[in-house]
């Protein structure tokens, strides 16, 4: 849909400049989705969510100026090396903090995955930040005015490996789709694999819909897991939304209550 450039704001501050391709501007729905991303980010001012400075248009190009981050995505980190369990849970806590703030302000992400988590290097150390609210959805009309339908009935939105059953069914969604995705991310950070793996997307969808996730220790044989953490992940990955944590805030509070160490290499 566009390119991202390293740039400087008028005051000299380094920024990441996301610019839409001109052809995308011809699609009102894509333009509106880009604007929604900017509005979502502007509404979520949290240390664990990338900051937005400005949404504007110049010379017929729509742009979004965001906080410039140095570091790498969680996806890149997972490809390069396995995480220590304590670090994995610390990253999960930080991402849940940002996601909880979004949920509290009526915003769903709908595409939580390691590629949308950035491990930013800062003077205070590495700070995980949630990126890319391009599929964000507001849960009320209050934040951004009257709701506009941007998707057709039955359209799938998200990344298959992290999609909740109700997303696959194209049913109504709420904060619990992000809870499910976080369950997959935590499973992946701890084990190095997904709870469900298949060659065909249709089979992957079937597994999300019907198959129970394997125990963490079964997915990684050199991993020891406290029963409380196993129960926590299974609840996040429950097939029925009502069986999951109601939102990221509740999920984060539950994570904090798990005795440490919650997982370890054997």
Protein backbone atom coordinates (compact mmCIF):
# COMPACT_ATOMS: atom_id res chain seq x y z
CA UNK A 1 0.00 0.00 0.00
CA UNK A 2 2.94 2.35 0.46
CA UNK A 3 6.52 2.96 1.52
CA UNK A 4 8.10 3.98 4.81
CA UNK A 5 10.96 6.47 4.80
CA UNK A 6 13.36 7.82 7.39
CA UNK A 7 12.69 11.56 7.47
CA UNK A 8 12.84 14.66 9.65
CA UNK A 9 9.95 16.75 10.90
CA UNK A 10 10.04 20.54 10.55
CA UNK A 11 11.53 20.80 14.04
CA UNK A 12 14.33 18.41 13.11
CA UNK A 13 12.93 15.40 14.97
CA UNK A 14 13.63 12.09 13.17
CA UNK A 15 10.40 10.36 12.10
CA UNK A 16 9.24 7.37 10.12
CA UNK A 17 7.18 8.65 7.21
CA UNK A 18 4.60 6.22 5.85
CA UNK A 19 3.43 7.35 2.40
CA UNK A 20 0.57 5.77 0.46
CA UNK A 21 1.08 4.88 -3.19
CA UNK A 22 -0.93 7.25 -5.45
CA UNK A 23 -2.92 4.33 -6.90
CA UNK A 24 -4.14 3.44 -3.40
CA UNK A 25 -5.65 6.91 -3.01
CA UNK A 26 -8.06 6.01 -5.81
CA UNK A 27 -9.59 3.40 -3.50
CA UNK A 28 -11.73 5.23 -0.96
CA UNK A 29 -11.84 2.20 1.35
CA UNK A 30 -8.04 1.88 1.47
CA UNK A 31 -7.62 5.61 1.99
CA UNK A 32 -10.16 5.49 4.80
CA UNK A 33 -8.39 2.51 6.38
CA UNK A 34 -5.11 4.43 6.32
CA UNK A 35 -6.83 7.35 8.01
CA UNK A 36 -8.32 4.98 10.57
CA UNK A 37 -4.83 3.66 11.36
CA UNK A 38 -3.67 7.20 12.06
CA UNK A 39 -6.71 7.90 14.23
CA UNK A 40 -6.23 4.66 16.13
CA UNK A 41 -2.57 5.40 16.81
CA UNK A 42 -3.35 8.97 17.83
CA UNK A 43 -5.88 7.63 20.35
CA UNK A 44 -3.42 5.13 21.84
CA UNK A 45 -0.64 7.18 23.41
CA UNK A 46 1.20 4.47 25.31
CA UNK A 47 4.88 3.61 25.70
CA UNK A 48 4.23 0.15 24.22
CA UNK A 49 2.50 1.46 21.07
CA UNK A 50 4.32 3.32 18.30
CA UNK A 51 3.63 7.04 18.53
CA UNK A 52 2.05 9.09 15.74
CA UNK A 53 2.91 12.75 15.12
CA UNK A 54 0.85 13.78 12.12
CA UNK A 55 -1.50 12.65 9.36
CA UNK A 56 -1.36 14.87 6.31
CA UNK A 57 -1.46 15.23 2.56
CA UNK A 58 1.09 16.94 0.31
CA UNK A 59 1.28 17.03 -3.48
CA UNK A 60 -1.56 14.52 -3.64
CA UNK A 61 0.26 12.01 -1.39
CA UNK A 62 -1.24 10.95 1.92
CA UNK A 63 1.32 10.44 4.68
CA UNK A 64 1.57 9.41 8.31
CA UNK A 65 4.51 10.67 10.38
CA UNK A 66 5.35 8.28 13.22
CA UNK A 67 7.91 7.80 15.94
CA UNK A 68 11.18 6.56 14.40
CA UNK A 69 12.24 3.30 16.03
CA UNK A 70 15.65 1.64 16.02
CA UNK A 71 15.86 -2.09 16.61
CA UNK A 72 14.13 -5.10 15.11
CA UNK A 73 10.77 -6.81 14.99
CA UNK A 74 9.97 -9.65 17.34
CA UNK A 75 9.64 -11.80 14.21
CA UNK A 76 13.25 -11.08 13.23
CA UNK A 77 14.40 -11.87 16.75
CA UNK A 78 12.55 -15.19 16.81
CA UNK A 79 14.04 -16.18 13.46
CA UNK A 80 17.54 -15.37 14.71
CA UNK A 81 17.45 -17.02 18.13
CA UNK A 82 15.23 -18.59 20.76
CA UNK A 83 14.13 -16.48 23.69
CA UNK A 84 14.69 -17.28 27.32
CA UNK A 85 11.27 -17.96 28.89
CA UNK A 86 11.56 -15.03 31.31
CA UNK A 87 12.30 -12.64 28.43
CA UNK A 88 9.40 -14.06 26.40
CA UNK A 89 6.98 -13.40 29.26
CA UNK A 90 8.42 -9.90 29.82
CA UNK A 91 7.80 -9.08 26.15
CA UNK A 92 4.29 -10.52 26.43
CA UNK A 93 3.59 -8.32 29.45
CA UNK A 94 4.73 -5.18 27.60
CA UNK A 95 2.69 -5.94 24.48
CA UNK A 96 -0.35 -6.72 26.61
CA UNK A 97 0.11 -3.36 28.36
CA UNK A 98 -0.12 -1.51 25.04
CA UNK A 99 -2.95 -3.69 23.81
CA UNK A 100 -4.84 -3.22 27.08
CA UNK A 101 -4.63 0.55 26.64
CA UNK A 102 -6.03 0.22 23.11
CA UNK A 103 -8.86 -2.01 24.32
CA UNK A 104 -9.67 0.43 27.12
CA UNK A 105 -10.07 3.12 24.46
CA UNK A 106 -12.37 1.01 22.32
CA UNK A 107 -9.82 -0.08 19.71
CA UNK A 108 -9.11 -3.61 18.50
CA UNK A 109 -5.90 -4.39 16.64
CA UNK A 110 -7.00 -7.55 14.77
CA UNK A 111 -3.54 -8.44 13.46
CA UNK A 112 -1.36 -9.04 16.52
CA UNK A 113 1.71 -11.06 15.51
CA UNK A 114 5.50 -10.92 16.01
CA UNK A 115 5.98 -8.95 12.79
CA UNK A 116 3.80 -6.21 14.31
CA UNK A 117 5.79 -6.04 17.53
CA UNK A 118 8.96 -3.95 17.42
CA UNK A 119 11.74 -4.35 19.96
CA UNK A 120 12.90 -0.74 20.09
CA UNK A 121 16.33 0.13 21.41
CA UNK A 122 16.07 3.10 23.79
CA UNK A 123 18.31 4.71 26.44
CA UNK A 124 16.28 2.77 29.01
CA UNK A 125 16.79 -0.57 27.25
CA UNK A 126 14.65 -2.55 24.83
CA UNK A 127 10.99 -1.46 24.78
CA UNK A 128 8.45 -3.64 22.89
CA UNK A 129 6.03 -1.55 20.83
CA UNK A 130 2.90 -2.61 18.99
CA UNK A 131 2.85 -1.57 15.32
CA UNK A 132 0.52 -1.45 12.35
CA UNK A 133 -3.05 -0.64 13.30
CA UNK A 134 -4.05 -0.90 9.65
CA UNK A 135 -6.77 -3.44 10.51
CA UNK A 136 -7.81 -1.58 13.66
CA UNK A 137 -11.50 -1.48 14.45
CA UNK A 138 -13.31 0.78 16.87
CA UNK A 139 -15.83 -0.84 19.21
CA UNK A 140 -18.06 2.23 19.53
CA UNK A 141 -18.97 5.27 17.45
CA UNK A 142 -17.59 7.70 20.01
CA UNK A 143 -13.85 7.87 19.18
CA UNK A 144 -14.02 8.59 15.45
CA UNK A 145 -17.59 9.63 14.74
CA UNK A 146 -20.27 7.54 13.00
CA UNK A 147 -19.04 4.13 11.98
CA UNK A 148 -18.16 3.54 8.35
CA UNK A 149 -18.29 0.04 6.89
CA UNK A 150 -14.85 -0.66 5.41
CA UNK A 151 -15.14 -4.39 4.85
CA UNK A 152 -17.63 -6.64 3.14
CA UNK A 153 -19.58 -9.24 5.05
CA UNK A 154 -17.61 -12.48 5.08
CA UNK A 155 -14.19 -10.89 4.49
CA UNK A 156 -11.29 -12.41 6.43
CA UNK A 157 -8.95 -9.94 8.11
CA UNK A 158 -5.75 -10.96 9.84
CA UNK A 159 -2.87 -13.41 9.48
CA UNK A 160 -3.95 -17.09 9.36
CA UNK A 161 -1.53 -18.45 11.99
CA UNK A 162 -2.87 -15.98 14.58
CA UNK A 163 -6.56 -15.78 13.66
CA UNK A 164 -9.23 -16.57 16.22
CA UNK A 165 -12.03 -18.97 15.23
CA UNK A 166 -14.58 -16.16 15.02
CA UNK A 167 -12.31 -14.25 12.60
CA UNK A 168 -12.10 -17.34 10.41
CA UNK A 169 -15.89 -17.62 10.46
CA UNK A 170 -16.12 -13.89 9.63
CA UNK A 171 -18.36 -13.46 12.67
CA UNK A 172 -18.61 -10.41 14.90
CA UNK A 173 -15.36 -9.76 16.80
CA UNK A 174 -14.31 -7.98 19.97
CA UNK A 175 -11.20 -7.69 22.15
CA UNK A 176 -11.03 -11.47 22.51
CA UNK A 177 -9.65 -11.86 18.97
CA UNK A 178 -6.55 -9.98 20.14
CA UNK A 179 -6.45 -12.17 23.26
CA UNK A 180 -6.39 -15.27 21.04
CA UNK A 181 -3.63 -13.83 18.86
CA UNK A 182 -1.58 -13.02 21.96
CA UNK A 183 -2.04 -16.62 23.06
CA UNK A 184 -0.50 -17.75 19.76
CA UNK A 185 2.35 -15.23 20.09
CA UNK A 186 3.17 -16.37 23.63
CA UNK A 187 3.03 -20.03 22.53
CA UNK A 188 5.41 -19.20 19.67
CA UNK A 189 7.84 -17.24 21.86
CA UNK A 190 8.04 -20.08 24.40
CA UNK A 191 8.20 -23.05 22.02
CA UNK A 192 9.59 -21.71 18.74
CA UNK A 193 6.60 -23.05 16.82
CA UNK A 194 2.87 -22.41 16.37
CA UNK A 195 0.12 -24.23 18.22
CA UNK A 196 -1.26 -25.24 14.82
CA UNK A 197 0.86 -26.05 11.77
CA UNK A 198 -0.44 -27.12 8.36
CA UNK A 199 0.65 -26.90 4.72
CA UNK A 200 -2.73 -25.69 3.50
CA UNK A 201 -4.49 -22.62 4.87
CA UNK A 202 -7.81 -24.49 4.81
CA UNK A 203 -6.36 -27.17 7.10
CA UNK A 204 -4.87 -24.50 9.35
CA UNK A 205 -8.28 -22.88 9.65
CA UNK A 206 -9.85 -26.23 10.49
CA UNK A 207 -7.32 -26.74 13.28
CA UNK A 208 -8.01 -23.30 14.73
CA UNK A 209 -11.70 -24.08 14.63
CA UNK A 210 -11.66 -27.66 15.91
CA UNK A 211 -8.33 -28.92 17.28
CA UNK A 212 -7.15 -28.32 20.87
CA UNK A 213 -3.68 -26.74 21.10
CA UNK A 214 -0.90 -29.10 22.21
CA UNK A 215 0.64 -28.64 25.67
CA UNK A 216 3.62 -26.30 25.65
CA UNK A 217 5.95 -29.04 26.88
CA UNK A 218 4.80 -31.31 24.06
CA UNK A 219 5.56 -28.61 21.49
CA UNK A 220 9.06 -28.13 22.94
CA UNK A 221 10.48 -31.10 24.80
CA UNK A 222 13.27 -29.17 26.55
CA UNK A 223 10.80 -26.72 28.07
CA UNK A 224 9.46 -27.01 31.59
CA UNK A 225 6.17 -25.21 32.25
CA UNK A 226 4.31 -24.38 35.45
CA UNK A 227 0.69 -25.64 35.44
CA UNK A 228 -0.53 -22.06 35.91
CA UNK A 229 1.18 -20.92 32.70
CA UNK A 230 -0.14 -23.91 30.78
CA UNK A 231 -3.67 -23.08 31.94
CA UNK A 232 -3.13 -19.40 31.07
CA UNK A 233 -2.15 -20.17 27.46
CA UNK A 234 -4.96 -22.70 27.01
CA UNK A 235 -7.49 -20.13 28.22
CA UNK A 236 -6.17 -17.53 25.77
CA UNK A 237 -6.49 -20.10 22.96
CA UNK A 238 -10.00 -21.26 23.87
CA UNK A 239 -12.21 -21.86 20.84
CA UNK A 240 -15.17 -20.02 22.32
CA UNK A 241 -14.64 -16.31 23.02
CA UNK A 242 -16.54 -16.54 26.32
CA UNK A 243 -13.94 -19.01 27.62
CA UNK A 244 -11.06 -16.58 27.01
CA UNK A 245 -9.91 -13.55 28.95
CA UNK A 246 -12.35 -10.72 28.22
CA UNK A 247 -9.61 -8.33 27.06
CA UNK A 248 -5.88 -7.69 27.15
CA UNK A 249 -6.07 -5.98 30.54
CA UNK A 250 -7.55 -9.07 32.18
CA UNK A 251 -5.03 -11.25 30.37
CA UNK A 252 -2.14 -9.13 31.61
CA UNK A 253 -3.38 -9.24 35.21
CA UNK A 254 -3.65 -13.03 34.98
CA UNK A 255 -0.11 -13.27 33.62
CA UNK A 256 1.21 -11.22 36.55
CA UNK A 257 -0.35 -13.67 39.04
CA UNK A 258 1.50 -16.71 37.67
CA UNK A 259 4.29 -17.74 40.10
CA UNK A 260 7.83 -17.29 38.74
CA UNK A 261 9.65 -19.04 37.26
CA UNK A 262 6.68 -19.90 35.07
CA UNK A 263 8.78 -21.71 32.42
CA UNK A 264 12.37 -22.89 32.10
CA UNK A 265 14.65 -24.93 29.88
CA UNK A 266 15.33 -28.41 31.20
